[in-house]
Amino acid sequence: MGNYLKYVRAAMKRARYEILPDDDTFYAEIPGFDGVYANGDTHESCRGELGEVLEEWVLLRVHLNLPLPVIDGVGLSIMEAV
């Protein structure tokens, strides 16, 4: 399994879910990943949206050359392309 996939799986394991009382939709966020959150009608749709947001968050941080948090000993390093 590639390091990126290990990283995403480790991050998704940290996700916290709750049902919002106002409309009974699901809300999820990943602690330590500011701005990575999602909302969906079902737990599965919320989880899928959260995964997409996480991917975009990682790509944006790589593009901006910002550090990525290490999760459970799994980290990603940014390498310059040649």
Protein backbone atom coordinates (compact mmCIF):
# COMPACT_ATOMS: atom_id res chain seq x y z
CA MET A 1 0.00 0.00 0.00
CA GLY A 2 1.39 3.40 -0.94
CA ASN A 3 2.32 5.96 1.68
CA TYR A 4 -0.38 8.37 0.43
CA LEU A 5 -3.09 5.74 0.86
CA LYS A 6 -1.80 4.90 4.36
CA TYR A 7 -1.89 8.60 5.18
CA VAL A 8 -5.46 9.09 3.99
CA ARG A 9 -6.66 5.97 5.81
CA ALA A 10 -4.97 7.07 9.04
CA ALA A 11 -6.57 10.52 8.77
CA MET A 12 -10.03 9.09 8.02
CA LYS A 13 -9.77 6.83 11.10
CA ARG A 14 -9.58 10.00 13.19
CA ALA A 15 -12.81 11.38 11.74
CA ARG A 16 -15.53 12.31 14.21
CA TYR A 17 -19.16 12.13 13.18
CA GLU A 18 -22.33 13.51 14.66
CA ILE A 19 -25.95 13.84 13.66
CA LEU A 20 -27.07 17.45 13.54
CA PRO A 21 -30.28 17.94 15.54
CA ASP A 22 -31.66 20.68 13.27
CA ASP A 23 -32.03 18.54 10.15
CA ASP A 24 -30.80 15.02 11.08
CA THR A 25 -27.92 15.21 8.61
CA PHE A 26 -24.46 13.90 9.38
CA TYR A 27 -21.51 16.18 10.09
CA ALA A 28 -17.89 15.02 10.18
CA GLU A 29 -14.51 16.56 10.78
CA ILE A 30 -10.94 15.38 11.26
CA PRO A 31 -9.28 16.88 14.33
CA GLY A 32 -5.93 18.46 13.51
CA PHE A 33 -6.92 19.11 9.89
CA ASP A 34 -8.30 22.65 9.98
CA GLY A 35 -11.02 23.15 7.39
CA VAL A 36 -11.53 19.45 6.67
CA TYR A 37 -15.20 18.83 7.37
CA ALA A 38 -18.27 17.58 5.53
CA ASN A 39 -22.04 17.25 5.77
CA GLY A 40 -24.31 14.67 4.17
CA ASP A 41 -27.76 13.11 4.33
CA THR A 42 -26.32 9.71 5.24
CA HIS A 43 -23.25 8.55 7.13
CA GLU A 44 -21.84 7.07 3.92
CA SER A 45 -22.38 10.23 1.85
CA CYS A 46 -20.82 12.31 4.61
CA ARG A 47 -17.82 9.97 4.76
CA GLY A 48 -17.40 10.14 0.97
CA GLU A 49 -17.54 13.93 1.01
CA LEU A 50 -15.05 14.04 3.88
CA GLY A 51 -12.62 11.88 1.89
CA GLU A 52 -12.87 14.23 -1.09
CA VAL A 53 -12.33 17.30 1.09
CA LEU A 54 -9.30 15.62 2.70
CA GLU A 55 -7.78 14.89 -0.73
CA GLU A 56 -8.28 18.49 -1.86
CA TRP A 57 -6.83 19.76 1.43
CA VAL A 58 -3.69 17.63 1.00
CA LEU A 59 -3.26 18.74 -2.63
CA LEU A 60 -3.67 22.41 -1.69
CA ARG A 61 -1.09 22.13 1.09
CA VAL A 62 1.34 20.39 -1.28
CA HIS A 63 0.75 23.09 -3.90
CA LEU A 64 1.39 25.83 -1.33
CA ASN A 65 4.40 23.94 0.09
CA LEU A 66 2.81 23.81 3.56
CA PRO A 67 3.59 21.06 6.05
CA LEU A 68 1.26 18.11 6.52
CA PRO A 69 0.60 16.66 9.97
CA VAL A 70 2.03 13.24 10.82
CA ILE A 71 -0.72 10.77 11.79
CA ASP A 72 0.05 7.65 13.78
CA GLY A 73 3.62 7.73 12.52
CA VAL A 74 2.56 8.16 8.89
CA GLY A 75 3.68 11.31 7.15
CA LEU A 76 3.97 12.66 3.65
CA SER A 77 6.93 14.63 2.42
CA ILE A 78 6.91 17.04 -0.46
CA MET A 79 9.59 16.31 -3.03
CA GLU A 80 10.55 18.57 -5.90
CA ALA A 81 9.85 17.15 -9.34
CA VAL A 82 12.73 16.99 -11.77
